[in-house]
Amino acid sequence: MINFLKQHSLILMLPLAFYLYNLAFDNTAIFWYMYTFSMLILMSLAIIFVKIFDELVTWKSLVYGLGYGTLLYGLIAVGFQLLLLTPFNISGPVNSFLSAFAPVSIWHYLLLMFIIVPGEEIFWRGLVQQKLKKYISTPLSVLASAILFGLALALSGFWPGVAAGIAAGLILGLLYEWKRSLPVIIVAHLIMIVLLFLLLPLPV
């Protein structure tokens, strides 16, 4: 039984991830504590169960990360502007999400930089995406892990975040398979966060 679970660790990992995400999003007052705690657990388990790839030199990781992080931000910003043209009330959900979960202090940004963003990428791209490749093709594993990441974010109740999470997951997942480098997708994710919340926030 133990060997079976080691071989098929997603049977335990995915329910645990959704449970932890639900705990984190359930109470906005302790969100930053619970989400950080959740990422520490998931990141630690991922490091135990999978090999983390890092096949790019540092300067290339920074260059690719900067470029793809900017691309991710651009997609989210364009998607937001397009949704403004629809009958959907996108500004309301975005405002509600930002007031509840957006980083507002240097402490939050430090948590994002050193624990939350690395934890998300190590777990969803490093573990889930790689383990899914045992059962389905690489393109399908990228798609499936992106959808699962989006569904986990859906527990926040923020429906545009699901679409953004899936789109980001697809790009970061493909980038990981292409460059075989965890640092590059962490840098890309961080660049997107800095642009989205600090330098060029959405006009809501």
N, C-alpha and C. Protein backbone atom coordinates (compact mmCIF):
# COMPACT_ATOMS: atom_id res chain seq x y z
N MET A 1 0.83 -1.21 0.00
CA MET A 1 0.00 0.00 0.00
C MET A 1 0.86 1.26 0.00
N ILE A 2 1.93 1.25 0.82
CA ILE A 2 2.82 2.40 0.90
C ILE A 2 3.51 2.62 -0.45
N ASN A 3 3.98 1.54 -1.05
CA ASN A 3 4.63 1.65 -2.36
C ASN A 3 3.66 2.16 -3.42
N PHE A 4 2.41 1.72 -3.34
CA PHE A 4 1.39 2.17 -4.29
C PHE A 4 1.19 3.68 -4.16
N LEU A 5 1.11 4.17 -2.91
CA LEU A 5 0.91 5.60 -2.70
C LEU A 5 2.12 6.42 -3.13
N LYS A 6 3.31 5.83 -2.99
CA LYS A 6 4.51 6.53 -3.47
C LYS A 6 4.49 6.65 -4.98
N GLN A 7 4.03 5.58 -5.64
CA GLN A 7 3.98 5.58 -7.10
C GLN A 7 2.86 6.48 -7.63
N HIS A 8 1.79 6.59 -6.86
CA HIS A 8 0.62 7.36 -7.28
C HIS A 8 0.30 8.42 -6.22
N SER A 9 1.26 9.28 -5.96
CA SER A 9 1.14 10.24 -4.84
C SER A 9 0.05 11.28 -5.06
N LEU A 10 -0.37 11.48 -6.31
CA LEU A 10 -1.42 12.48 -6.55
C LEU A 10 -2.73 12.10 -5.88
N ILE A 11 -2.93 10.81 -5.62
CA ILE A 11 -4.16 10.37 -4.93
C ILE A 11 -4.31 11.07 -3.59
N LEU A 12 -3.19 11.31 -2.92
CA LEU A 12 -3.22 12.02 -1.64
C LEU A 12 -2.93 13.51 -1.80
N MET A 13 -2.05 13.85 -2.73
CA MET A 13 -1.59 15.24 -2.84
C MET A 13 -2.69 16.19 -3.29
N LEU A 14 -3.46 15.80 -4.28
CA LEU A 14 -4.48 16.70 -4.80
C LEU A 14 -5.59 16.99 -3.78
N PRO A 15 -6.16 15.97 -3.11
CA PRO A 15 -7.15 16.29 -2.08
C PRO A 15 -6.57 17.16 -0.96
N LEU A 16 -5.31 16.89 -0.58
CA LEU A 16 -4.67 17.71 0.45
C LEU A 16 -4.54 19.15 -0.02
N ALA A 17 -4.14 19.35 -1.28
CA ALA A 17 -3.98 20.71 -1.81
C ALA A 17 -5.30 21.46 -1.80
N PHE A 18 -6.37 20.81 -2.25
CA PHE A 18 -7.67 21.49 -2.28
C PHE A 18 -8.17 21.77 -0.87
N TYR A 19 -7.91 20.88 0.05
CA TYR A 19 -8.30 21.11 1.45
C TYR A 19 -7.56 22.32 2.02
N LEU A 20 -6.25 22.40 1.77
CA LEU A 20 -5.46 23.52 2.29
C LEU A 20 -5.86 24.84 1.63
N TYR A 21 -6.12 24.82 0.33
CA TYR A 21 -6.57 26.04 -0.35
C TYR A 21 -7.89 26.50 0.23
N ASN A 22 -8.78 25.56 0.49
CA ASN A 22 -10.08 25.91 1.05
C ASN A 22 -9.92 26.54 2.44
N LEU A 23 -9.03 25.98 3.25
CA LEU A 23 -8.78 26.56 4.58
C LEU A 23 -8.24 27.98 4.45
N ALA A 24 -7.33 28.20 3.51
CA ALA A 24 -6.71 29.51 3.36
C ALA A 24 -7.73 30.56 2.91
N PHE A 25 -8.56 30.22 1.93
CA PHE A 25 -9.51 31.19 1.40
C PHE A 25 -10.75 31.36 2.26
N ASP A 26 -10.94 30.47 3.21
CA ASP A 26 -12.16 30.48 4.03
C ASP A 26 -12.23 31.67 4.98
N ASN A 27 -11.09 32.16 5.43
CA ASN A 27 -11.07 33.24 6.42
C ASN A 27 -10.06 34.29 5.98
N THR A 28 -10.57 35.42 5.49
CA THR A 28 -9.67 36.45 4.97
C THR A 28 -8.78 37.04 6.05
N ALA A 29 -9.21 36.99 7.30
CA ALA A 29 -8.42 37.58 8.39
C ALA A 29 -7.10 36.85 8.58
N ILE A 30 -7.07 35.55 8.26
CA ILE A 30 -5.84 34.78 8.46
C ILE A 30 -5.32 34.22 7.14
N PHE A 31 -5.80 34.80 6.02
CA PHE A 31 -5.43 34.26 4.71
C PHE A 31 -3.92 34.16 4.53
N TRP A 32 -3.18 35.21 4.83
CA TRP A 32 -1.74 35.21 4.55
C TRP A 32 -1.00 34.18 5.39
N TYR A 33 -1.47 33.94 6.60
CA TYR A 33 -0.86 32.93 7.45
C TYR A 33 -1.16 31.52 6.91
N MET A 34 -2.44 31.29 6.61
CA MET A 34 -2.85 29.96 6.18
C MET A 34 -2.32 29.61 4.79
N TYR A 35 -2.30 30.59 3.89
CA TYR A 35 -1.82 30.30 2.55
C TYR A 35 -0.32 30.01 2.56
N THR A 36 0.40 30.78 3.36
CA THR A 36 1.84 30.53 3.50
C THR A 36 2.10 29.15 4.10
N PHE A 37 1.34 28.82 5.14
CA PHE A 37 1.44 27.50 5.77
C PHE A 37 1.15 26.39 4.75
N SER A 38 0.10 26.59 3.96
CA SER A 38 -0.28 25.60 2.95
C SER A 38 0.82 25.39 1.94
N MET A 39 1.41 26.49 1.47
CA MET A 39 2.47 26.38 0.47
C MET A 39 3.72 25.71 1.04
N LEU A 40 4.01 25.97 2.29
CA LEU A 40 5.16 25.31 2.93
C LEU A 40 4.96 23.79 2.95
N ILE A 41 3.75 23.35 3.29
CA ILE A 41 3.47 21.92 3.33
C ILE A 41 3.55 21.31 1.94
N LEU A 42 2.87 21.93 0.96
CA LEU A 42 2.83 21.38 -0.39
C LEU A 42 4.21 21.41 -1.05
N MET A 43 4.95 22.48 -0.81
CA MET A 43 6.29 22.58 -1.38
C MET A 43 7.21 21.52 -0.79
N SER A 44 7.12 21.30 0.51
CA SER A 44 7.96 20.30 1.17
C SER A 44 7.67 18.91 0.65
N LEU A 45 6.40 18.58 0.50
CA LEU A 45 6.02 17.26 -0.02
C LEU A 45 6.48 17.09 -1.46
N ALA A 46 6.34 18.15 -2.25
CA ALA A 46 6.75 18.06 -3.65
C ALA A 46 8.25 17.79 -3.77
N ILE A 47 9.04 18.46 -2.95
CA ILE A 47 10.50 18.28 -2.99
C ILE A 47 10.87 16.84 -2.64
N ILE A 48 10.09 16.22 -1.75
CA ILE A 48 10.35 14.83 -1.36
C ILE A 48 10.03 13.87 -2.51
N PHE A 49 8.95 14.15 -3.24
CA PHE A 49 8.43 13.17 -4.19
C PHE A 49 8.92 13.34 -5.63
N VAL A 50 9.45 14.51 -5.99
CA VAL A 50 9.86 14.70 -7.38
C VAL A 50 11.23 15.36 -7.48
N LYS A 51 11.84 15.20 -8.64
CA LYS A 51 13.09 15.90 -8.94
C LYS A 51 12.75 17.26 -9.51
N ILE A 52 13.37 18.30 -8.97
CA ILE A 52 13.15 19.65 -9.45
C ILE A 52 14.21 19.98 -10.50
N PHE A 53 13.76 20.42 -11.66
CA PHE A 53 14.70 20.69 -12.76
C PHE A 53 15.21 22.14 -12.69
N ASP A 54 16.49 22.29 -12.99
CA ASP A 54 17.12 23.61 -13.07
C ASP A 54 18.25 23.52 -14.09
N GLU A 55 17.90 23.62 -15.36
CA GLU A 55 18.85 23.38 -16.44
C GLU A 55 19.24 24.65 -17.20
N LEU A 56 18.92 25.82 -16.65
CA LEU A 56 19.30 27.08 -17.27
C LEU A 56 20.30 27.81 -16.39
N VAL A 57 21.23 28.52 -17.02
CA VAL A 57 22.13 29.37 -16.23
C VAL A 57 21.33 30.55 -15.69
N THR A 58 21.84 31.19 -14.66
CA THR A 58 21.09 32.21 -13.94
C THR A 58 20.63 33.35 -14.82
N TRP A 59 21.52 33.88 -15.66
CA TRP A 59 21.14 35.05 -16.45
C TRP A 59 20.03 34.71 -17.45
N LYS A 60 20.04 33.50 -17.98
CA LYS A 60 18.97 33.11 -18.90
C LYS A 60 17.64 32.96 -18.16
N SER A 61 17.70 32.44 -16.94
CA SER A 61 16.48 32.34 -16.14
C SER A 61 15.87 33.71 -15.90
N LEU A 62 16.71 34.69 -15.63
CA LEU A 62 16.23 36.06 -15.38
C LEU A 62 15.64 36.67 -16.65
N VAL A 63 16.31 36.46 -17.78
CA VAL A 63 15.83 37.04 -19.04
C VAL A 63 14.50 36.42 -19.46
N TYR A 64 14.45 35.08 -19.47
CA TYR A 64 13.20 34.41 -19.83
C TYR A 64 12.10 34.71 -18.82
N GLY A 65 12.45 34.75 -17.54
CA GLY A 65 11.47 35.05 -16.51
C GLY A 65 10.89 36.43 -16.68
N LEU A 66 11.75 37.41 -16.97
CA LEU A 66 11.28 38.79 -17.18
C LEU A 66 10.35 38.86 -18.38
N GLY A 67 10.75 38.21 -19.46
CA GLY A 67 9.93 38.25 -20.67
C GLY A 67 8.58 37.57 -20.51
N TYR A 68 8.58 36.38 -19.95
CA TYR A 68 7.33 35.63 -19.82
C TYR A 68 6.46 36.17 -18.68
N GLY A 69 7.08 36.73 -17.65
CA GLY A 69 6.30 37.38 -16.60
C GLY A 69 5.56 38.60 -17.14
N THR A 70 6.24 39.37 -17.99
CA THR A 70 5.60 40.52 -18.63
C THR A 70 4.48 40.07 -19.55
N LEU A 71 4.71 38.98 -20.28
CA LEU A 71 3.68 38.42 -21.15
C LEU A 71 2.45 38.00 -20.34
N LEU A 72 2.67 37.33 -19.22
CA LEU A 72 1.55 36.93 -18.37
C LEU A 72 0.75 38.13 -17.90
N TYR A 73 1.46 39.15 -17.44
CA TYR A 73 0.77 40.37 -17.00
C TYR A 73 -0.04 40.96 -18.17
N GLY A 74 0.58 41.02 -19.35
CA GLY A 74 -0.11 41.58 -20.51
C GLY A 74 -1.39 40.83 -20.84
N LEU A 75 -1.34 39.50 -20.78
CA LEU A 75 -2.54 38.70 -21.05
C LEU A 75 -3.66 39.00 -20.05
N ILE A 76 -3.28 39.10 -18.78
CA ILE A 76 -4.28 39.39 -17.74
C ILE A 76 -4.86 40.79 -17.93
N ALA A 77 -4.00 41.76 -18.23
CA ALA A 77 -4.46 43.14 -18.41
C ALA A 77 -5.38 43.25 -19.63
N VAL A 78 -5.00 42.59 -20.74
CA VAL A 78 -5.84 42.62 -21.94
C VAL A 78 -7.16 41.89 -21.69
N GLY A 79 -7.09 40.74 -21.01
CA GLY A 79 -8.31 40.02 -20.68
C GLY A 79 -9.26 40.85 -19.83
N PHE A 80 -8.70 41.59 -18.88
CA PHE A 80 -9.52 42.47 -18.04
C PHE A 80 -10.20 43.55 -18.87
N GLN A 81 -9.44 44.17 -19.78
CA GLN A 81 -10.02 45.22 -20.62
C GLN A 81 -11.11 44.67 -21.53
N LEU A 82 -10.92 43.46 -22.04
CA LEU A 82 -11.95 42.85 -22.88
C LEU A 82 -13.21 42.54 -22.09
N LEU A 83 -13.02 42.07 -20.86
CA LEU A 83 -14.19 41.76 -20.02
C LEU A 83 -14.97 43.02 -19.64
N LEU A 84 -14.28 44.15 -19.60
CA LEU A 84 -14.97 45.41 -19.33
C LEU A 84 -15.97 45.76 -20.44
N LEU A 85 -15.75 45.21 -21.62
CA LEU A 85 -16.63 45.49 -22.76
C LEU A 85 -17.85 44.57 -22.78
N THR A 86 -17.90 43.61 -21.88
CA THR A 86 -19.00 42.65 -21.83
C THR A 86 -20.02 43.09 -20.77
N PRO A 87 -21.19 42.46 -20.77
CA PRO A 87 -22.19 42.79 -19.74
C PRO A 87 -21.81 42.32 -18.33
N PHE A 88 -20.76 41.50 -18.23
CA PHE A 88 -20.37 40.99 -16.92
C PHE A 88 -19.81 42.13 -16.06
N ASN A 89 -20.14 42.09 -14.79
CA ASN A 89 -19.63 43.10 -13.86
C ASN A 89 -18.27 42.65 -13.33
N ILE A 90 -17.22 42.89 -14.13
CA ILE A 90 -15.90 42.40 -13.76
C ILE A 90 -15.26 43.26 -12.67
N SER A 91 -15.56 44.56 -12.66
CA SER A 91 -14.92 45.46 -11.69
C SER A 91 -15.30 45.10 -10.26
N GLY A 92 -16.55 44.70 -10.05
CA GLY A 92 -17.00 44.35 -8.70
C GLY A 92 -16.23 43.18 -8.12
N PRO A 93 -16.19 42.02 -8.82
CA PRO A 93 -15.42 40.89 -8.31
C PRO A 93 -13.94 41.19 -8.14
N VAL A 94 -13.36 41.96 -9.06
CA VAL A 94 -11.94 42.29 -8.94
C VAL A 94 -11.69 43.13 -7.70
N ASN A 95 -12.53 44.14 -7.48
CA ASN A 95 -12.39 44.97 -6.28
C ASN A 95 -12.53 44.15 -5.01
N SER A 96 -13.51 43.26 -4.98
CA SER A 96 -13.73 42.42 -3.79
C SER A 96 -12.53 41.53 -3.53
N PHE A 97 -11.99 40.93 -4.59
CA PHE A 97 -10.83 40.06 -4.45
C PHE A 97 -9.62 40.84 -3.94
N LEU A 98 -9.37 41.99 -4.54
CA LEU A 98 -8.20 42.78 -4.15
C LEU A 98 -8.30 43.26 -2.71
N SER A 99 -9.48 43.65 -2.28
CA SER A 99 -9.63 44.12 -0.91
C SER A 99 -9.45 43.00 0.11
N ALA A 100 -9.73 41.77 -0.31
CA ALA A 100 -9.62 40.64 0.61
C ALA A 100 -8.25 39.97 0.59
N PHE A 101 -7.63 39.87 -0.60
CA PHE A 101 -6.45 39.01 -0.72
C PHE A 101 -5.20 39.68 -1.29
N ALA A 102 -5.29 40.90 -1.77
CA ALA A 102 -4.11 41.52 -2.40
C ALA A 102 -3.03 41.81 -1.37
N PRO A 103 -1.75 41.68 -1.76
CA PRO A 103 -0.66 42.04 -0.85
C PRO A 103 -0.65 43.55 -0.59
N VAL A 104 -0.47 43.93 0.67
CA VAL A 104 -0.51 45.35 1.01
C VAL A 104 0.70 45.80 1.82
N SER A 105 1.57 44.87 2.18
CA SER A 105 2.73 45.25 3.00
C SER A 105 3.98 44.56 2.47
N ILE A 106 5.12 45.05 2.89
CA ILE A 106 6.39 44.44 2.50
C ILE A 106 6.46 43.00 2.96
N TRP A 107 5.83 42.72 4.10
CA TRP A 107 5.77 41.36 4.64
C TRP A 107 5.08 40.42 3.66
N HIS A 108 3.97 40.87 3.08
CA HIS A 108 3.25 40.06 2.11
C HIS A 108 4.12 39.77 0.88
N TYR A 109 4.82 40.78 0.41
CA TYR A 109 5.67 40.59 -0.77
C TYR A 109 6.84 39.66 -0.48
N LEU A 110 7.36 39.71 0.73
CA LEU A 110 8.44 38.79 1.11
C LEU A 110 7.93 37.35 1.15
N LEU A 111 6.72 37.17 1.69
CA LEU A 111 6.12 35.83 1.70
C LEU A 111 5.90 35.33 0.28
N LEU A 112 5.42 36.21 -0.60
CA LEU A 112 5.22 35.83 -2.00
C LEU A 112 6.54 35.42 -2.64
N MET A 113 7.58 36.19 -2.39
CA MET A 113 8.86 35.98 -3.05
C MET A 113 9.54 34.69 -2.60
N PHE A 114 9.50 34.43 -1.31
CA PHE A 114 10.32 33.34 -0.77
C PHE A 114 9.54 32.05 -0.47
N ILE A 115 8.22 32.14 -0.34
CA ILE A 115 7.46 30.93 0.02
C ILE A 115 6.30 30.66 -0.94
N ILE A 116 5.41 31.63 -1.12
CA ILE A 116 4.16 31.36 -1.82
C ILE A 116 4.38 31.07 -3.31
N VAL A 117 5.05 31.97 -4.01
CA VAL A 117 5.27 31.75 -5.45
C VAL A 117 6.14 30.52 -5.71
N PRO A 118 7.29 30.37 -5.02
CA PRO A 118 8.05 29.12 -5.22
C PRO A 118 7.23 27.88 -4.87
N GLY A 119 6.44 27.97 -3.79
CA GLY A 119 5.63 26.82 -3.39
C GLY A 119 4.61 26.44 -4.43
N GLU A 120 3.93 27.44 -5.01
CA GLU A 120 2.94 27.14 -6.05
C GLU A 120 3.59 26.49 -7.27
N GLU A 121 4.73 27.02 -7.68
CA GLU A 121 5.37 26.47 -8.88
C GLU A 121 5.96 25.09 -8.63
N ILE A 122 6.58 24.90 -7.47
CA ILE A 122 7.13 23.58 -7.15
C ILE A 122 6.03 22.54 -7.07
N PHE A 123 4.88 22.91 -6.49
CA PHE A 123 3.81 21.93 -6.35
C PHE A 123 3.08 21.69 -7.67
N TRP A 124 2.53 22.76 -8.28
CA TRP A 124 1.67 22.56 -9.44
C TRP A 124 2.43 22.19 -10.71
N ARG A 125 3.57 22.84 -10.96
CA ARG A 125 4.35 22.51 -12.14
C ARG A 125 5.37 21.42 -11.85
N GLY A 126 5.99 21.48 -10.68
CA GLY A 126 7.04 20.52 -10.36
C GLY A 126 6.52 19.14 -10.00
N LEU A 127 5.44 19.09 -9.22
CA LEU A 127 4.91 17.78 -8.80
C LEU A 127 3.71 17.35 -9.63
N VAL A 128 2.63 18.13 -9.60
CA VAL A 128 1.38 17.69 -10.24
C VAL A 128 1.59 17.46 -11.73
N GLN A 129 2.17 18.46 -12.40
CA GLN A 129 2.37 18.32 -13.85
C GLN A 129 3.26 17.14 -14.20
N GLN A 130 4.32 16.93 -13.42
CA GLN A 130 5.25 15.84 -13.73
C GLN A 130 4.63 14.48 -13.41
N LYS A 131 3.88 14.39 -12.33
CA LYS A 131 3.25 13.11 -11.98
C LYS A 131 2.15 12.75 -12.98
N LEU A 132 1.44 13.75 -13.50
CA LEU A 132 0.39 13.47 -14.48
C LEU A 132 0.96 12.87 -15.76
N LYS A 133 2.22 13.13 -16.04
CA LYS A 133 2.85 12.61 -17.25
C LYS A 133 2.98 11.09 -17.22
N LYS A 134 2.79 10.49 -16.03
CA LYS A 134 2.79 9.03 -15.94
C LYS A 134 1.52 8.44 -16.56
N TYR A 135 0.47 9.25 -16.65
CA TYR A 135 -0.83 8.74 -17.08
C TYR A 135 -1.27 9.30 -18.43
N ILE A 136 -0.83 10.52 -18.76
CA ILE A 136 -1.26 11.18 -19.99
C ILE A 136 -0.04 11.83 -20.66
N SER A 137 -0.23 12.31 -21.87
CA SER A 137 0.87 12.92 -22.62
C SER A 137 1.30 14.24 -21.96
N THR A 138 2.46 14.71 -22.34
CA THR A 138 2.97 15.96 -21.77
C THR A 138 2.05 17.15 -22.03
N PRO A 139 1.56 17.37 -23.27
CA PRO A 139 0.64 18.49 -23.48
C PRO A 139 -0.62 18.41 -22.61
N LEU A 140 -1.15 17.19 -22.49
CA LEU A 140 -2.35 17.03 -21.66
C LEU A 140 -2.04 17.24 -20.18
N SER A 141 -0.85 16.85 -19.75
CA SER A 141 -0.48 17.05 -18.35
C SER A 141 -0.33 18.54 -18.04
N VAL A 142 0.18 19.31 -18.99
CA VAL A 142 0.27 20.77 -18.81
C VAL A 142 -1.13 21.36 -18.70
N LEU A 143 -2.02 20.94 -19.59
CA LEU A 143 -3.39 21.44 -19.57
C LEU A 143 -4.10 21.04 -18.29
N ALA A 144 -3.97 19.76 -17.89
CA ALA A 144 -4.67 19.26 -16.71
C ALA A 144 -4.18 19.95 -15.44
N SER A 145 -2.86 20.13 -15.31
CA SER A 145 -2.34 20.77 -14.10
C SER A 145 -2.77 22.24 -14.05
N ALA A 146 -2.85 22.90 -15.21
CA ALA A 146 -3.32 24.29 -15.25
C ALA A 146 -4.78 24.39 -14.82
N ILE A 147 -5.60 23.45 -15.30
CA ILE A 147 -7.02 23.45 -14.91
C ILE A 147 -7.17 23.17 -13.42
N LEU A 148 -6.40 22.23 -12.90
CA LEU A 148 -6.47 21.91 -11.47
C LEU A 148 -6.04 23.11 -10.63
N PHE A 149 -5.01 23.83 -11.08
CA PHE A 149 -4.58 25.04 -10.39
C PHE A 149 -5.69 26.08 -10.40
N GLY A 150 -6.35 26.25 -11.55
CA GLY A 150 -7.46 27.19 -11.64
C GLY A 150 -8.62 26.80 -10.73
N LEU A 151 -8.92 25.50 -10.65
CA LEU A 151 -9.99 25.03 -9.77
C LEU A 151 -9.66 25.27 -8.31
N ALA A 152 -8.38 25.12 -7.94
CA ALA A 152 -7.98 25.41 -6.57
C ALA A 152 -8.20 26.88 -6.25
N LEU A 153 -7.87 27.75 -7.21
CA LEU A 153 -8.09 29.18 -7.00
C LEU A 153 -9.58 29.52 -6.97
N ALA A 154 -10.42 28.67 -7.58
CA ALA A 154 -11.86 28.91 -7.57
C ALA A 154 -12.43 28.87 -6.17
N LEU A 155 -11.71 28.24 -5.24
CA LEU A 155 -12.19 28.19 -3.86
C LEU A 155 -12.21 29.57 -3.21
N SER A 156 -11.56 30.54 -3.85
CA SER A 156 -11.62 31.92 -3.36
C SER A 156 -12.94 32.57 -3.71
N GLY A 157 -13.71 31.96 -4.63
CA GLY A 157 -14.96 32.55 -5.08
C GLY A 157 -14.77 33.62 -6.14
N PHE A 158 -13.55 33.77 -6.64
CA PHE A 158 -13.22 34.82 -7.61
C PHE A 158 -13.13 34.19 -8.99
N TRP A 159 -14.23 34.24 -9.75
CA TRP A 159 -14.29 33.52 -11.02
C TRP A 159 -13.29 34.02 -12.06
N PRO A 160 -13.00 35.33 -12.18
CA PRO A 160 -11.97 35.71 -13.17
C PRO A 160 -10.60 35.14 -12.82
N GLY A 161 -10.36 34.89 -11.52
CA GLY A 161 -9.09 34.31 -11.11
C GLY A 161 -8.89 32.90 -11.62
N VAL A 162 -10.00 32.19 -11.84
CA VAL A 162 -9.91 30.83 -12.39
C VAL A 162 -9.34 30.89 -13.80
N ALA A 163 -9.90 31.78 -14.63
CA ALA A 163 -9.42 31.93 -16.00
C ALA A 163 -7.97 32.39 -16.01
N ALA A 164 -7.64 33.35 -15.15
CA ALA A 164 -6.26 33.86 -15.09
C ALA A 164 -5.31 32.76 -14.62
N GLY A 165 -5.75 31.97 -13.64
CA GLY A 165 -4.91 30.89 -13.13
C GLY A 165 -4.66 29.82 -14.17
N ILE A 166 -5.69 29.48 -14.95
CA ILE A 166 -5.53 28.47 -15.99
C ILE A 166 -4.59 28.98 -17.09
N ALA A 167 -4.80 30.24 -17.51
CA ALA A 167 -3.94 30.81 -18.55
C ALA A 167 -2.49 30.88 -18.08
N ALA A 168 -2.27 31.35 -16.85
CA ALA A 168 -0.91 31.43 -16.31
C ALA A 168 -0.32 30.04 -16.17
N GLY A 169 -1.14 29.08 -15.71
CA GLY A 169 -0.67 27.72 -15.54
C GLY A 169 -0.24 27.09 -16.86
N LEU A 170 -0.98 27.38 -17.93
CA LEU A 170 -0.62 26.85 -19.25
C LEU A 170 0.73 27.40 -19.71
N ILE A 171 0.90 28.71 -19.59
CA ILE A 171 2.15 29.33 -20.06
C ILE A 171 3.33 28.88 -19.21
N LEU A 172 3.15 28.88 -17.89
CA LEU A 172 4.25 28.48 -17.01
C LEU A 172 4.55 26.99 -17.16
N GLY A 173 3.52 26.20 -17.36
CA GLY A 173 3.72 24.76 -17.55
C GLY A 173 4.48 24.46 -18.82
N LEU A 174 4.11 25.14 -19.91
CA LEU A 174 4.82 24.95 -21.18
C LEU A 174 6.26 25.45 -21.07
N LEU A 175 6.44 26.57 -20.37
CA LEU A 175 7.79 27.12 -20.19
C LEU A 175 8.66 26.16 -19.39
N TYR A 176 8.08 25.50 -18.39
CA TYR A 176 8.84 24.54 -17.58
C TYR A 176 9.25 23.33 -18.42
N GLU A 177 8.33 22.85 -19.26
CA GLU A 177 8.67 21.71 -20.11
C GLU A 177 9.71 22.09 -21.17
N TRP A 178 9.67 23.33 -21.62
CA TRP A 178 10.59 23.78 -22.66
C TRP A 178 11.99 24.02 -22.10
N LYS A 179 12.07 24.78 -21.00
CA LYS A 179 13.38 25.18 -20.48
C LYS A 179 13.87 24.30 -19.34
N ARG A 180 13.00 23.45 -18.81
CA ARG A 180 13.40 22.52 -17.74
C ARG A 180 14.08 23.27 -16.60
N SER A 181 13.48 24.38 -16.20
CA SER A 181 14.08 25.22 -15.17
C SER A 181 13.01 25.77 -14.25
N LEU A 182 13.06 25.37 -12.98
CA LEU A 182 12.11 25.92 -12.01
C LEU A 182 12.36 27.40 -11.74
N PRO A 183 13.62 27.86 -11.61
CA PRO A 183 13.83 29.29 -11.36
C PRO A 183 13.19 30.19 -12.41
N VAL A 184 13.20 29.78 -13.68
CA VAL A 184 12.66 30.66 -14.71
C VAL A 184 11.15 30.87 -14.53
N ILE A 185 10.41 29.82 -14.13
CA ILE A 185 8.97 30.02 -13.96
C ILE A 185 8.67 30.74 -12.64
N ILE A 186 9.52 30.59 -11.65
CA ILE A 186 9.34 31.36 -10.41
C ILE A 186 9.57 32.84 -10.69
N VAL A 187 10.63 33.16 -11.45
CA VAL A 187 10.90 34.56 -11.80
C VAL A 187 9.74 35.14 -12.62
N ALA A 188 9.24 34.38 -13.59
CA ALA A 188 8.12 34.84 -14.42
C ALA A 188 6.89 35.13 -13.55
N HIS A 189 6.60 34.22 -12.64
CA HIS A 189 5.46 34.38 -11.73
C HIS A 189 5.64 35.63 -10.86
N LEU A 190 6.84 35.83 -10.35
CA LEU A 190 7.11 36.99 -9.50
C LEU A 190 6.99 38.30 -10.28
N ILE A 191 7.50 38.32 -11.50
CA ILE A 191 7.40 39.53 -12.34
C ILE A 191 5.93 39.87 -12.57
N MET A 192 5.12 38.86 -12.87
CA MET A 192 3.69 39.08 -13.06
C MET A 192 3.05 39.68 -11.81
N ILE A 193 3.40 39.13 -10.64
CA ILE A 193 2.84 39.62 -9.37
C ILE A 193 3.23 41.07 -9.13
N VAL A 194 4.50 41.40 -9.33
CA VAL A 194 4.99 42.77 -9.09
C VAL A 194 4.29 43.75 -10.02
N LEU A 195 4.16 43.39 -11.30
CA LEU A 195 3.48 44.27 -12.25
C LEU A 195 2.00 44.42 -11.90
N LEU A 196 1.37 43.31 -11.54
CA LEU A 196 -0.08 43.30 -11.33
C LEU A 196 -0.49 44.03 -10.06
N PHE A 197 0.28 43.87 -8.99
CA PHE A 197 -0.13 44.43 -7.71
C PHE A 197 0.63 45.69 -7.30
N LEU A 198 1.80 45.92 -7.91
CA LEU A 198 2.65 47.01 -7.41
C LEU A 198 2.89 48.09 -8.44
N LEU A 199 3.37 47.71 -9.62
CA LEU A 199 3.79 48.71 -10.61
C LEU A 199 2.66 49.17 -11.54
N LEU A 200 1.89 48.23 -12.05
CA LEU A 200 0.84 48.55 -13.03
C LEU A 200 -0.47 47.85 -12.66
N PRO A 201 -1.06 48.19 -11.51
CA PRO A 201 -2.30 47.51 -11.11
C PRO A 201 -3.44 47.77 -12.09
N LEU A 202 -4.38 46.85 -12.12
CA LEU A 202 -5.53 47.00 -13.01
C LEU A 202 -6.33 48.24 -12.64
N PRO A 203 -6.85 48.97 -13.63
CA PRO A 203 -7.61 50.21 -13.36
C PRO A 203 -9.02 49.94 -12.90
N VAL A 204 -9.18 49.56 -11.65
CA VAL A 204 -10.53 49.28 -11.13
C VAL A 204 -10.94 50.36 -10.14
